[in-house]
């Protein structure tokens, strides 16, 4: 498709020899776990802005403080589940954007990024309301800058579902980048319930979700009478699926967690996307197994392009002997920014 042609022409080295995974960390599990341990944080500083939502909720926008007079583009980073602007991958992606003179902001979901909930509502993978208001606000501040949106894990799912939403006529996004997304929530849940994955990742993230609820316990108590779930059941949740069953699905108006997971799965709506999105996934991602990645269906939409690495795990993609700085994900995103800022006319010419 046209996006693939753009990538092959404008992103140097996209071929089988381009990515050199760290040889002493083979396999998806080591890639997933060790990246967060070894990657050094880049030298950036944030300035926080609080944006109110129409329902009374709030989201925190963390802008990179770089004091430039002019910018080439506007970049928004969407972190993963329970992640935020302080997550190492968020900082690293934001730093790449800064290097290309982009006005860069990290969008923290409600209650994430050391922010507090104002209403009893967490982020939902299928909900696009908050993201719409955030992007509309950002575009109103910088109407003349091209907007590049990058989502990681849950952030990439939210971005993809947003761009597939046919009810939103003006998307505000010129091109998207989504890394390590779960294409099918049902299959991802099965993968995360495998013994090692359940102990290593599932329980960890389940515990983080419960912690988010505990951090906002007073707010939930004040709204206890109108909660669609029993507040006493929340601390009992030990996995992502248990939390989604107890809290997320009823809170977002779904009849059950299966209903929620079907609506949240981008695989069922990706044919609707009309905005270019570049995806990065790995064969050995414990959150999104290879069998759950719809390679052939992706190829049917010319606005979608998938870069599928043989290894990289979940938000890993470590490369080189000492993987303390850039990952392949960071480097790929940097090249995509440069390619789009320098050659966006290539894509636009083919769209017209």
C-alpha atoms as a PDB file:
ATOM      1  CA  UNK A   1       0.000   0.000   0.000  1.00  0.00           C
ATOM      2  CA  UNK A   2       0.911   3.672  -0.159  1.00  0.00           C
ATOM      3  CA  UNK A   3       2.100   3.844   3.445  1.00  0.00           C
ATOM      4  CA  UNK A   4       4.381   0.857   2.944  1.00  0.00           C
ATOM      5  CA  UNK A   5       5.874   2.505  -0.141  1.00  0.00           C
ATOM      6  CA  UNK A   6       6.476   5.665   1.870  1.00  0.00           C
ATOM      7  CA  UNK A   7       8.249   3.687   4.620  1.00  0.00           C
ATOM      8  CA  UNK A   8      10.419   1.714   2.212  1.00  0.00           C
ATOM      9  CA  UNK A   9      11.416   4.877   0.390  1.00  0.00           C
ATOM     10  CA  UNK A  10      11.865   7.294   3.270  1.00  0.00           C
ATOM     11  CA  UNK A  11      12.922   5.195   6.272  1.00  0.00           C
ATOM     12  CA  UNK A  12      16.491   3.990   5.698  1.00  0.00           C
ATOM     13  CA  UNK A  13      17.374   0.401   6.359  1.00  0.00           C
ATOM     14  CA  UNK A  14      13.940  -1.165   6.855  1.00  0.00           C
ATOM     15  CA  UNK A  15      14.960  -4.716   6.056  1.00  0.00           C
ATOM     16  CA  UNK A  16      15.904  -7.935   7.814  1.00  0.00           C
ATOM     17  CA  UNK A  17      19.405  -6.738   8.711  1.00  0.00           C
ATOM     18  CA  UNK A  18      18.381  -3.401  10.205  1.00  0.00           C
ATOM     19  CA  UNK A  19      17.525  -4.456  13.765  1.00  0.00           C
ATOM     20  CA  UNK A  20      20.280  -6.078  15.837  1.00  0.00           C
ATOM     21  CA  UNK A  21      18.742  -7.419  19.065  1.00  0.00           C
ATOM     22  CA  UNK A  22      20.940  -7.640  22.149  1.00  0.00           C
ATOM     23  CA  UNK A  23      22.431 -11.115  21.783  1.00  0.00           C
ATOM     24  CA  UNK A  24      22.779 -11.806  25.527  1.00  0.00           C
ATOM     25  CA  UNK A  25      19.069 -11.120  26.109  1.00  0.00           C
ATOM     26  CA  UNK A  26      17.394 -13.574  23.744  1.00  0.00           C
ATOM     27  CA  UNK A  27      13.646 -14.061  23.694  1.00  0.00           C
ATOM     28  CA  UNK A  28      10.644 -11.924  24.439  1.00  0.00           C
ATOM     29  CA  UNK A  29      10.723 -12.265  28.220  1.00  0.00           C
ATOM     30  CA  UNK A  30      14.263 -10.940  28.653  1.00  0.00           C
ATOM     31  CA  UNK A  31      13.591  -8.170  26.146  1.00  0.00           C
ATOM     32  CA  UNK A  32      10.435  -7.161  28.021  1.00  0.00           C
ATOM     33  CA  UNK A  33      11.890  -7.276  31.520  1.00  0.00           C
ATOM     34  CA  UNK A  34      15.427  -5.978  31.025  1.00  0.00           C
ATOM     35  CA  UNK A  35      14.631  -2.965  28.839  1.00  0.00           C
ATOM     36  CA  UNK A  36      13.102  -1.156  31.821  1.00  0.00           C
ATOM     37  CA  UNK A  37      16.138  -2.091  33.920  1.00  0.00           C
ATOM     38  CA  UNK A  38      18.898  -0.995  31.559  1.00  0.00           C
ATOM     39  CA  UNK A  39      17.502   1.959  29.614  1.00  0.00           C
ATOM     40  CA  UNK A  40      18.836   5.277  30.887  1.00  0.00           C
ATOM     41  CA  UNK A  41      16.448   8.209  31.142  1.00  0.00           C
ATOM     42  CA  UNK A  42      17.098  11.072  28.706  1.00  0.00           C
ATOM     43  CA  UNK A  43      17.683  14.655  29.906  1.00  0.00           C
ATOM     44  CA  UNK A  44      14.187  16.134  29.708  1.00  0.00           C
ATOM     45  CA  UNK A  45      12.033  18.226  32.014  1.00  0.00           C
ATOM     46  CA  UNK A  46       8.238  18.487  31.985  1.00  0.00           C
ATOM     47  CA  UNK A  47       5.825  21.314  32.610  1.00  0.00           C
ATOM     48  CA  UNK A  48       2.355  20.052  33.596  1.00  0.00           C
ATOM     49  CA  UNK A  49      -0.929  21.393  32.298  1.00  0.00           C
ATOM     50  CA  UNK A  50      -4.278  20.116  33.598  1.00  0.00           C
ATOM     51  CA  UNK A  51      -7.054  19.804  31.038  1.00  0.00           C
ATOM     52  CA  UNK A  52     -10.663  19.493  32.185  1.00  0.00           C
ATOM     53  CA  UNK A  53     -13.005  17.091  30.425  1.00  0.00           C
ATOM     54  CA  UNK A  54     -16.705  17.839  29.758  1.00  0.00           C
ATOM     55  CA  UNK A  55     -17.841  15.370  32.456  1.00  0.00           C
ATOM     56  CA  UNK A  56     -15.770  17.067  35.169  1.00  0.00           C
ATOM     57  CA  UNK A  57     -12.802  14.728  34.940  1.00  0.00           C
ATOM     58  CA  UNK A  58      -9.227  15.833  34.375  1.00  0.00           C
ATOM     59  CA  UNK A  59      -6.214  14.633  32.439  1.00  0.00           C
ATOM     60  CA  UNK A  60      -2.621  15.738  32.941  1.00  0.00           C
ATOM     61  CA  UNK A  61      -0.613  16.917  29.952  1.00  0.00           C
ATOM     62  CA  UNK A  62       3.152  16.943  30.510  1.00  0.00           C
ATOM     63  CA  UNK A  63       4.930  19.196  28.019  1.00  0.00           C
ATOM     64  CA  UNK A  64       8.650  18.945  27.383  1.00  0.00           C
ATOM     65  CA  UNK A  65      10.115  22.260  28.504  1.00  0.00           C
ATOM     66  CA  UNK A  66      12.506  23.170  25.707  1.00  0.00           C
ATOM     67  CA  UNK A  67      11.943  26.934  25.256  1.00  0.00           C
ATOM     68  CA  UNK A  68      11.970  27.040  21.459  1.00  0.00           C
ATOM     69  CA  UNK A  69      10.586  29.905  19.409  1.00  0.00           C
ATOM     70  CA  UNK A  70       9.565  27.742  16.471  1.00  0.00           C
ATOM     71  CA  UNK A  71       8.681  24.083  16.036  1.00  0.00           C
ATOM     72  CA  UNK A  72       8.480  21.730  13.068  1.00  0.00           C
ATOM     73  CA  UNK A  73       5.736  19.491  14.398  1.00  0.00           C
ATOM     74  CA  UNK A  74       3.464  18.592  17.300  1.00  0.00           C
ATOM     75  CA  UNK A  75       3.970  15.164  18.898  1.00  0.00           C
ATOM     76  CA  UNK A  76       1.722  13.563  21.519  1.00  0.00           C
ATOM     77  CA  UNK A  77       2.780  10.419  23.391  1.00  0.00           C
ATOM     78  CA  UNK A  78       0.170   7.994  24.789  1.00  0.00           C
ATOM     79  CA  UNK A  79       1.632   5.693  27.488  1.00  0.00           C
ATOM     80  CA  UNK A  80       0.545   2.159  28.328  1.00  0.00           C
ATOM     81  CA  UNK A  81      -1.666   0.716  31.049  1.00  0.00           C
ATOM     82  CA  UNK A  82      -0.944   2.493  34.392  1.00  0.00           C
ATOM     83  CA  UNK A  83       2.026   4.193  32.702  1.00  0.00           C
ATOM     84  CA  UNK A  84       2.617   7.909  32.371  1.00  0.00           C
ATOM     85  CA  UNK A  85       5.089  10.610  31.461  1.00  0.00           C
ATOM     86  CA  UNK A  86       7.662   9.219  33.909  1.00  0.00           C
ATOM     87  CA  UNK A  87       7.726   5.797  32.219  1.00  0.00           C
ATOM     88  CA  UNK A  88      11.119   5.291  30.607  1.00  0.00           C
ATOM     89  CA  UNK A  89       9.637   4.508  27.181  1.00  0.00           C
ATOM     90  CA  UNK A  90       7.502   7.676  27.298  1.00  0.00           C
ATOM     91  CA  UNK A  91      10.507   9.813  28.122  1.00  0.00           C
ATOM     92  CA  UNK A  92      12.617   8.172  25.448  1.00  0.00           C
ATOM     93  CA  UNK A  93      10.023   8.641  22.697  1.00  0.00           C
ATOM     94  CA  UNK A  94       9.409  12.225  23.801  1.00  0.00           C
ATOM     95  CA  UNK A  95      13.138  12.892  23.656  1.00  0.00           C
ATOM     96  CA  UNK A  96      13.296  11.630  20.066  1.00  0.00           C
ATOM     97  CA  UNK A  97      10.588  14.110  19.119  1.00  0.00           C
ATOM     98  CA  UNK A  98      12.403  16.932  20.901  1.00  0.00           C
ATOM     99  CA  UNK A  99      15.551  16.258  18.858  1.00  0.00           C
ATOM    100  CA  UNK A 100      13.558  17.010  15.690  1.00  0.00           C
ATOM    101  CA  UNK A 101      12.318  20.339  17.080  1.00  0.00           C
ATOM    102  CA  UNK A 102       8.800  19.126  17.780  1.00  0.00           C
ATOM    103  CA  UNK A 103       6.517  20.548  20.446  1.00  0.00           C
ATOM    104  CA  UNK A 104       6.075  17.417  22.507  1.00  0.00           C
ATOM    105  CA  UNK A 105       3.546  16.413  25.152  1.00  0.00           C
ATOM    106  CA  UNK A 106       2.754  13.225  27.055  1.00  0.00           C
ATOM    107  CA  UNK A 107      -0.948  12.604  27.616  1.00  0.00           C
ATOM    108  CA  UNK A 108      -1.472  10.901  30.979  1.00  0.00           C
ATOM    109  CA  UNK A 109      -4.722   8.973  31.251  1.00  0.00           C
ATOM    110  CA  UNK A 110      -7.051   9.828  34.133  1.00  0.00           C
ATOM    111  CA  UNK A 111      -5.428   8.947  37.439  1.00  0.00           C
ATOM    112  CA  UNK A 112      -2.071   8.117  35.826  1.00  0.00           C
ATOM    113  CA  UNK A 113       1.213   9.978  35.791  1.00  0.00           C
ATOM    114  CA  UNK A 114       0.910  10.963  39.466  1.00  0.00           C
ATOM    115  CA  UNK A 115      -2.444  12.627  38.869  1.00  0.00           C
ATOM    116  CA  UNK A 116      -5.695  12.153  40.790  1.00  0.00           C
ATOM    117  CA  UNK A 117      -9.137  11.161  39.587  1.00  0.00           C
ATOM    118  CA  UNK A 118     -11.811  13.824  39.804  1.00  0.00           C
ATOM    119  CA  UNK A 119     -14.603  11.494  38.703  1.00  0.00           C
ATOM    120  CA  UNK A 120     -15.025   7.706  39.123  1.00  0.00           C
ATOM    121  CA  UNK A 121     -13.742   6.899  35.654  1.00  0.00           C
ATOM    122  CA  UNK A 122     -10.520   5.205  34.557  1.00  0.00           C
ATOM    123  CA  UNK A 123      -9.132   4.963  31.041  1.00  0.00           C
ATOM    124  CA  UNK A 124     -10.896   2.508  28.768  1.00  0.00           C
ATOM    125  CA  UNK A 125      -9.209   1.008  25.720  1.00  0.00           C
ATOM    126  CA  UNK A 126     -12.365   1.401  23.633  1.00  0.00           C
ATOM    127  CA  UNK A 127     -13.288   4.916  24.745  1.00  0.00           C
ATOM    128  CA  UNK A 128     -12.165   7.760  22.514  1.00  0.00           C
ATOM    129  CA  UNK A 129     -13.853  10.737  24.204  1.00  0.00           C
ATOM    130  CA  UNK A 130     -10.910  11.958  26.282  1.00  0.00           C
ATOM    131  CA  UNK A 131      -8.429  11.535  23.450  1.00  0.00           C
ATOM    132  CA  UNK A 132     -10.678  13.513  21.117  1.00  0.00           C
ATOM    133  CA  UNK A 133     -10.843  16.451  23.527  1.00  0.00           C
ATOM    134  CA  UNK A 134      -7.093  16.316  24.149  1.00  0.00           C
ATOM    135  CA  UNK A 135      -6.215  16.290  20.455  1.00  0.00           C
ATOM    136  CA  UNK A 136      -8.728  19.031  19.698  1.00  0.00           C
ATOM    137  CA  UNK A 137      -7.163  21.153  22.442  1.00  0.00           C
ATOM    138  CA  UNK A 138      -3.622  20.502  21.224  1.00  0.00           C
ATOM    139  CA  UNK A 139      -4.523  21.334  17.641  1.00  0.00           C
ATOM    140  CA  UNK A 140      -6.186  24.564  18.756  1.00  0.00           C
ATOM    141  CA  UNK A 141      -2.901  25.605  20.391  1.00  0.00           C
ATOM    142  CA  UNK A 142      -0.767  24.704  17.384  1.00  0.00           C
ATOM    143  CA  UNK A 143      -3.086  24.726  14.363  1.00  0.00           C
ATOM    144  CA  UNK A 144      -0.303  25.028  11.789  1.00  0.00           C
ATOM    145  CA  UNK A 145       1.874  22.160  13.001  1.00  0.00           C
ATOM    146  CA  UNK A 146       1.512  18.596  11.682  1.00  0.00           C
ATOM    147  CA  UNK A 147       0.363  16.333  14.512  1.00  0.00           C
ATOM    148  CA  UNK A 148       2.137  13.007  15.037  1.00  0.00           C
ATOM    149  CA  UNK A 149       0.628  10.708  17.675  1.00  0.00           C
ATOM    150  CA  UNK A 150       2.548   7.800  19.205  1.00  0.00           C
ATOM    151  CA  UNK A 151       0.950   5.205  21.456  1.00  0.00           C
ATOM    152  CA  UNK A 152       2.610   2.383  23.358  1.00  0.00           C
ATOM    153  CA  UNK A 153       0.726  -0.764  24.414  1.00  0.00           C
ATOM    154  CA  UNK A 154      -2.651   0.479  25.756  1.00  0.00           C
ATOM    155  CA  UNK A 155      -1.842   3.951  24.418  1.00  0.00           C
ATOM    156  CA  UNK A 156      -1.377   2.486  20.946  1.00  0.00           C
ATOM    157  CA  UNK A 157      -4.662   0.609  21.236  1.00  0.00           C
ATOM    158  CA  UNK A 158      -6.503   3.763  22.271  1.00  0.00           C
ATOM    159  CA  UNK A 159      -4.937   5.699  19.386  1.00  0.00           C
ATOM    160  CA  UNK A 160      -5.820   2.975  16.878  1.00  0.00           C
ATOM    161  CA  UNK A 161      -9.414   2.684  18.108  1.00  0.00           C
ATOM    162  CA  UNK A 162      -9.733   6.465  17.999  1.00  0.00           C
ATOM    163  CA  UNK A 163      -8.570   6.620  14.381  1.00  0.00           C
ATOM    164  CA  UNK A 164     -11.005   3.812  13.520  1.00  0.00           C
ATOM    165  CA  UNK A 165     -13.970   5.660  15.040  1.00  0.00           C
ATOM    166  CA  UNK A 166     -16.215   6.670  12.146  1.00  0.00           C
ATOM    167  CA  UNK A 167     -18.285   8.942  14.384  1.00  0.00           C
ATOM    168  CA  UNK A 168     -15.331  11.316  14.754  1.00  0.00           C
ATOM    169  CA  UNK A 169     -15.144  13.250  11.512  1.00  0.00           C
ATOM    170  CA  UNK A 170     -12.103  15.401  12.303  1.00  0.00           C
ATOM    171  CA  UNK A 171      -9.319  13.253  13.754  1.00  0.00           C
ATOM    172  CA  UNK A 172      -6.615  16.007  14.066  1.00  0.00           C
ATOM    173  CA  UNK A 173      -3.863  13.350  13.636  1.00  0.00           C
ATOM    174  CA  UNK A 174      -1.707  13.402  10.493  1.00  0.00           C
ATOM    175  CA  UNK A 175       0.133  10.134  11.134  1.00  0.00           C
ATOM    176  CA  UNK A 176       0.203   7.614  13.970  1.00  0.00           C
ATOM    177  CA  UNK A 177       2.764   5.252  15.454  1.00  0.00           C
ATOM    178  CA  UNK A 178       1.639   2.336  17.640  1.00  0.00           C
ATOM    179  CA  UNK A 179       4.062  -0.035  19.351  1.00  0.00           C
ATOM    180  CA  UNK A 180       3.401  -3.369  21.076  1.00  0.00           C
ATOM    181  CA  UNK A 181      -0.372  -3.170  20.853  1.00  0.00           C
ATOM    182  CA  UNK A 182      -2.661  -6.076  21.657  1.00  0.00           C
ATOM    183  CA  UNK A 183      -4.693  -6.536  18.487  1.00  0.00           C
ATOM    184  CA  UNK A 184      -7.200  -8.955  20.010  1.00  0.00           C
ATOM    185  CA  UNK A 185      -8.000  -8.628  23.726  1.00  0.00           C
ATOM    186  CA  UNK A 186      -9.484 -12.108  23.944  1.00  0.00           C
ATOM    187  CA  UNK A 187      -6.322 -13.779  22.663  1.00  0.00           C
ATOM    188  CA  UNK A 188      -4.082 -11.479  24.699  1.00  0.00           C
ATOM    189  CA  UNK A 189      -5.942 -12.465  27.856  1.00  0.00           C
ATOM    190  CA  UNK A 190      -5.368 -16.136  27.082  1.00  0.00           C
ATOM    191  CA  UNK A 191      -1.659 -15.449  26.597  1.00  0.00           C
ATOM    192  CA  UNK A 192      -1.393 -13.459  29.838  1.00  0.00           C
ATOM    193  CA  UNK A 193      -3.045 -16.291  31.767  1.00  0.00           C
ATOM    194  CA  UNK A 194      -0.214 -18.683  30.942  1.00  0.00           C
ATOM    195  CA  UNK A 195       1.652 -19.513  34.174  1.00  0.00           C
ATOM    196  CA  UNK A 196       4.848 -17.496  33.603  1.00  0.00           C
ATOM    197  CA  UNK A 197       3.024 -14.548  32.043  1.00  0.00           C
ATOM    198  CA  UNK A 198       0.433 -14.519  34.819  1.00  0.00           C
ATOM    199  CA  UNK A 199       3.080 -14.402  37.548  1.00  0.00           C
ATOM    200  CA  UNK A 200       5.474 -12.009  35.822  1.00  0.00           C
ATOM    201  CA  UNK A 201       3.261  -9.503  34.012  1.00  0.00           C
ATOM    202  CA  UNK A 202      -0.420 -10.081  34.710  1.00  0.00           C
ATOM    203  CA  UNK A 203      -0.276  -9.933  38.488  1.00  0.00           C
ATOM    204  CA  UNK A 204       2.112  -6.979  38.398  1.00  0.00           C
ATOM    205  CA  UNK A 205      -0.193  -4.886  36.227  1.00  0.00           C
ATOM    206  CA  UNK A 206      -3.278  -6.101  38.100  1.00  0.00           C
ATOM    207  CA  UNK A 207      -1.662  -4.901  41.304  1.00  0.00           C
ATOM    208  CA  UNK A 208      -0.888  -1.536  39.690  1.00  0.00           C
ATOM    209  CA  UNK A 209      -4.535  -1.122  38.668  1.00  0.00           C
ATOM    210  CA  UNK A 210      -5.683  -1.862  42.218  1.00  0.00           C
ATOM    211  CA  UNK A 211      -3.119   0.656  43.448  1.00  0.00           C
ATOM    212  CA  UNK A 212      -4.589   3.326  41.166  1.00  0.00           C
ATOM    213  CA  UNK A 213      -7.987   2.664  42.718  1.00  0.00           C
ATOM    214  CA  UNK A 214      -6.542   2.817  46.233  1.00  0.00           C
ATOM    215  CA  UNK A 215      -4.827   6.112  45.451  1.00  0.00           C
ATOM    216  CA  UNK A 216      -8.270   7.561  44.712  1.00  0.00           C
ATOM    217  CA  UNK A 217     -10.147   5.764  47.493  1.00  0.00           C
ATOM    218  CA  UNK A 218     -11.635   8.937  48.992  1.00  0.00           C
ATOM    219  CA  UNK A 219     -13.068  10.008  45.637  1.00  0.00           C
ATOM    220  CA  UNK A 220     -14.620   6.574  45.110  1.00  0.00           C
ATOM    221  CA  UNK A 221     -16.097   6.638  48.627  1.00  0.00           C
ATOM    222  CA  UNK A 222     -17.788   9.982  47.922  1.00  0.00           C
ATOM    223  CA  UNK A 223     -19.353   8.505  44.783  1.00  0.00           C
ATOM    224  CA  UNK A 224     -20.035   5.062  46.223  1.00  0.00           C
ATOM    225  CA  UNK A 225     -23.811   5.204  45.719  1.00  0.00           C
ATOM    226  CA  UNK A 226     -23.489   5.638  41.955  1.00  0.00           C
ATOM    227  CA  UNK A 227     -20.679   3.187  41.307  1.00  0.00           C
ATOM    228  CA  UNK A 228     -21.650   0.229  39.051  1.00  0.00           C
ATOM    229  CA  UNK A 229     -19.364  -2.069  41.070  1.00  0.00           C
ATOM    230  CA  UNK A 230     -18.723  -3.011  44.690  1.00  0.00           C
ATOM    231  CA  UNK A 231     -15.801  -1.020  46.049  1.00  0.00           C
ATOM    232  CA  UNK A 232     -14.977  -3.846  48.463  1.00  0.00           C
ATOM    233  CA  UNK A 233     -14.286  -6.202  45.538  1.00  0.00           C
ATOM    234  CA  UNK A 234     -11.513  -4.043  44.035  1.00  0.00           C
ATOM    235  CA  UNK A 235      -8.669  -5.089  46.397  1.00  0.00           C
ATOM    236  CA  UNK A 236      -9.433  -8.725  45.592  1.00  0.00           C
ATOM    237  CA  UNK A 237      -8.442  -8.294  41.935  1.00  0.00           C
ATOM    238  CA  UNK A 238      -5.104  -9.913  41.110  1.00  0.00           C
ATOM    239  CA  UNK A 239      -4.973  -9.753  37.292  1.00  0.00           C
ATOM    240  CA  UNK A 240      -5.884  -7.354  34.496  1.00  0.00           C
ATOM    241  CA  UNK A 241      -8.915  -9.450  33.499  1.00  0.00           C
ATOM    242  CA  UNK A 242     -10.179  -9.596  37.086  1.00  0.00           C
ATOM    243  CA  UNK A 243      -9.908  -5.810  37.386  1.00  0.00           C
ATOM    244  CA  UNK A 244     -11.601  -5.306  34.019  1.00  0.00           C
ATOM    245  CA  UNK A 245     -14.391  -7.686  35.065  1.00  0.00           C
ATOM    246  CA  UNK A 246     -14.875  -5.969  38.411  1.00  0.00           C
ATOM    247  CA  UNK A 247     -14.276  -2.318  37.491  1.00  0.00           C
ATOM    248  CA  UNK A 248     -13.543  -1.358  33.884  1.00  0.00           C
ATOM    249  CA  UNK A 249     -16.352  -3.172  32.067  1.00  0.00           C
ATOM    250  CA  UNK A 250     -19.226  -2.043  34.345  1.00  0.00           C
ATOM    251  CA  UNK A 251     -17.726   1.432  34.765  1.00  0.00           C
ATOM    252  CA  UNK A 252     -17.656   1.913  30.982  1.00  0.00           C
ATOM    253  CA  UNK A 253     -21.174   0.579  30.453  1.00  0.00           C
ATOM    254  CA  UNK A 254     -20.477  -2.920  29.108  1.00  0.00           C
ATOM    255  CA  UNK A 255     -22.646  -5.891  30.012  1.00  0.00           C
ATOM    256  CA  UNK A 256     -19.566  -7.991  30.851  1.00  0.00           C
ATOM    257  CA  UNK A 257     -15.835  -8.178  30.267  1.00  0.00           C
ATOM    258  CA  UNK A 258     -16.232 -10.209  27.055  1.00  0.00           C
ATOM    259  CA  UNK A 259     -18.371  -7.425  25.611  1.00  0.00           C
ATOM    260  CA  UNK A 260     -15.716  -4.885  26.613  1.00  0.00           C
ATOM    261  CA  UNK A 261     -12.850  -6.907  25.150  1.00  0.00           C
ATOM    262  CA  UNK A 262     -14.644  -7.302  21.836  1.00  0.00           C
ATOM    263  CA  UNK A 263     -15.230  -3.559  21.577  1.00  0.00           C
ATOM    264  CA  UNK A 264     -11.651  -2.785  22.625  1.00  0.00           C
ATOM    265  CA  UNK A 265     -10.073  -5.110  20.051  1.00  0.00           C
ATOM    266  CA  UNK A 266      -8.734  -3.083  17.141  1.00  0.00           C
ATOM    267  CA  UNK A 267      -8.667  -6.194  14.973  1.00  0.00           C
ATOM    268  CA  UNK A 268     -12.421  -5.894  14.452  1.00  0.00           C
ATOM    269  CA  UNK A 269     -12.378  -2.273  13.261  1.00  0.00           C
ATOM    270  CA  UNK A 270      -9.021  -1.680  11.572  1.00  0.00           C
ATOM    271  CA  UNK A 271     -10.631  -1.706   8.127  1.00  0.00           C
ATOM    272  CA  UNK A 272     -12.188   1.672   8.972  1.00  0.00           C
ATOM    273  CA  UNK A 273      -8.894   3.550   9.431  1.00  0.00           C
ATOM    274  CA  UNK A 274      -8.191   6.316   6.927  1.00  0.00           C
ATOM    275  CA  UNK A 275      -5.240   7.931   8.736  1.00  0.00           C
ATOM    276  CA  UNK A 276      -1.749   6.440   8.221  1.00  0.00           C
ATOM    277  CA  UNK A 277      -0.576   4.328  11.185  1.00  0.00           C
ATOM    278  CA  UNK A 278       2.761   2.536  11.458  1.00  0.00           C
ATOM    279  CA  UNK A 279       2.710  -0.447  13.845  1.00  0.00           C
ATOM    280  CA  UNK A 280       5.635  -2.162  15.537  1.00  0.00           C
ATOM    281  CA  UNK A 281       5.135  -5.618  17.042  1.00  0.00           C
ATOM    282  CA  UNK A 282       7.333  -8.585  17.891  1.00  0.00           C
ATOM    283  CA  UNK A 283       6.809 -12.307  17.298  1.00  0.00           C
ATOM    284  CA  UNK A 284       7.556 -13.014  20.956  1.00  0.00           C
ATOM    285  CA  UNK A 285       5.410 -10.388  22.668  1.00  0.00           C
ATOM    286  CA  UNK A 286       3.800 -12.131  25.677  1.00  0.00           C
ATOM    287  CA  UNK A 287       0.933  -9.614  25.588  1.00  0.00           C
ATOM    288  CA  UNK A 288       0.140 -10.091  21.909  1.00  0.00           C
ATOM    289  CA  UNK A 289       1.146 -13.494  20.492  1.00  0.00           C
ATOM    290  CA  UNK A 290       1.951 -13.802  16.818  1.00  0.00           C
ATOM    291  CA  UNK A 291      -1.249 -15.766  16.218  1.00  0.00           C
ATOM    292  CA  UNK A 292      -3.246 -12.715  17.331  1.00  0.00           C
ATOM    293  CA  UNK A 293      -1.634 -10.322  14.829  1.00  0.00           C
ATOM    294  CA  UNK A 294      -3.788 -10.138  11.655  1.00  0.00           C
ATOM    295  CA  UNK A 295      -0.938  -9.744   9.177  1.00  0.00           C
ATOM    296  CA  UNK A 296      -2.979 -10.474   6.046  1.00  0.00           C
ATOM    297  CA  UNK A 297      -5.857  -8.210   7.038  1.00  0.00           C
ATOM    298  CA  UNK A 298      -3.470  -5.352   7.823  1.00  0.00           C
ATOM    299  CA  UNK A 299      -2.170  -5.570   4.255  1.00  0.00           C
ATOM    300  CA  UNK A 300      -5.708  -4.976   2.939  1.00  0.00           C
ATOM    301  CA  UNK A 301      -5.780  -1.400   4.292  1.00  0.00           C
ATOM    302  CA  UNK A 302      -3.275   0.854   2.515  1.00  0.00           C
ATOM    303  CA  UNK A 303      -3.288   3.239   5.500  1.00  0.00           C
ATOM    304  CA  UNK A 304      -1.789   0.594   7.800  1.00  0.00           C
ATOM    305  CA  UNK A 305       1.783  -0.680   7.842  1.00  0.00           C
ATOM    306  CA  UNK A 306       3.172  -3.316  10.189  1.00  0.00           C
ATOM    307  CA  UNK A 307       6.840  -3.758  11.049  1.00  0.00           C
ATOM    308  CA  UNK A 308       7.017  -7.199  12.644  1.00  0.00           C
ATOM    309  CA  UNK A 309      10.282  -8.021  14.398  1.00  0.00           C
ATOM    310  CA  UNK A 310      11.287 -11.607  15.136  1.00  0.00           C
ATOM    311  CA  UNK A 311      12.127 -10.609  18.701  1.00  0.00           C
ATOM    312  CA  UNK A 312      11.596  -7.609  20.952  1.00  0.00           C
ATOM    313  CA  UNK A 313       9.052  -8.765  23.500  1.00  0.00           C
ATOM    314  CA  UNK A 314       6.633  -6.182  24.859  1.00  0.00           C
ATOM    315  CA  UNK A 315       8.061  -2.648  24.601  1.00  0.00           C
ATOM    316  CA  UNK A 316      11.539  -4.204  24.641  1.00  0.00           C
ATOM    317  CA  UNK A 317      13.359  -3.982  21.311  1.00  0.00           C
ATOM    318  CA  UNK A 318      16.778  -3.706  22.966  1.00  0.00           C
ATOM    319  CA  UNK A 319      19.656  -3.717  20.525  1.00  0.00           C
ATOM    320  CA  UNK A 320      23.421  -3.570  20.703  1.00  0.00           C
ATOM    321  CA  UNK A 321      25.898  -4.902  23.224  1.00  0.00           C
ATOM    322  CA  UNK A 322      25.021  -2.355  25.933  1.00  0.00           C
ATOM    323  CA  UNK A 323      21.331  -1.417  25.507  1.00  0.00           C
ATOM    324  CA  UNK A 324      21.226   1.592  27.797  1.00  0.00           C
ATOM    325  CA  UNK A 325      20.024   4.278  25.409  1.00  0.00           C
ATOM    326  CA  UNK A 326      18.008   4.024  22.196  1.00  0.00           C
ATOM    327  CA  UNK A 327      15.919   0.963  21.502  1.00  0.00           C
ATOM    328  CA  UNK A 328      14.845  -0.079  18.035  1.00  0.00           C
ATOM    329  CA  UNK A 329      11.402   1.360  18.859  1.00  0.00           C
ATOM    330  CA  UNK A 330      12.957   4.742  19.666  1.00  0.00           C
ATOM    331  CA  UNK A 331      15.102   4.737  16.561  1.00  0.00           C
ATOM    332  CA  UNK A 332      12.234   3.729  14.310  1.00  0.00           C
ATOM    333  CA  UNK A 333      10.004   6.448  15.749  1.00  0.00           C
ATOM    334  CA  UNK A 334      12.753   9.036  15.246  1.00  0.00           C
ATOM    335  CA  UNK A 335      13.091   8.048  11.599  1.00  0.00           C
ATOM    336  CA  UNK A 336       9.335   8.184  11.124  1.00  0.00           C
ATOM    337  CA  UNK A 337       9.217  11.712  12.545  1.00  0.00           C
ATOM    338  CA  UNK A 338      12.002  12.869  10.243  1.00  0.00           C
ATOM    339  CA  UNK A 339      10.491  11.154   7.221  1.00  0.00           C
ATOM    340  CA  UNK A 340       7.076  12.694   7.785  1.00  0.00           C
ATOM    341  CA  UNK A 341       8.350  16.192   8.538  1.00  0.00           C
ATOM    342  CA  UNK A 342      10.569  16.139   5.459  1.00  0.00           C
ATOM    343  CA  UNK A 343       8.379  14.213   3.015  1.00  0.00           C
ATOM    344  CA  UNK A 344       4.730  14.348   4.150  1.00  0.00           C
ATOM    345  CA  UNK A 345       3.826  15.500   0.648  1.00  0.00           C
ATOM    346  CA  UNK A 346       4.576  11.956  -0.561  1.00  0.00           C
ATOM    347  CA  UNK A 347       1.647  10.586   1.426  1.00  0.00           C
ATOM    348  CA  UNK A 348      -0.659  13.520   0.852  1.00  0.00           C
ATOM    349  CA  UNK A 349      -0.081  13.413  -2.888  1.00  0.00           C
ATOM    350  CA  UNK A 350      -1.159   9.779  -2.969  1.00  0.00           C
ATOM    351  CA  UNK A 351      -4.218  10.482  -0.869  1.00  0.00           C
ATOM    352  CA  UNK A 352      -5.481  13.129  -3.306  1.00  0.00           C
END
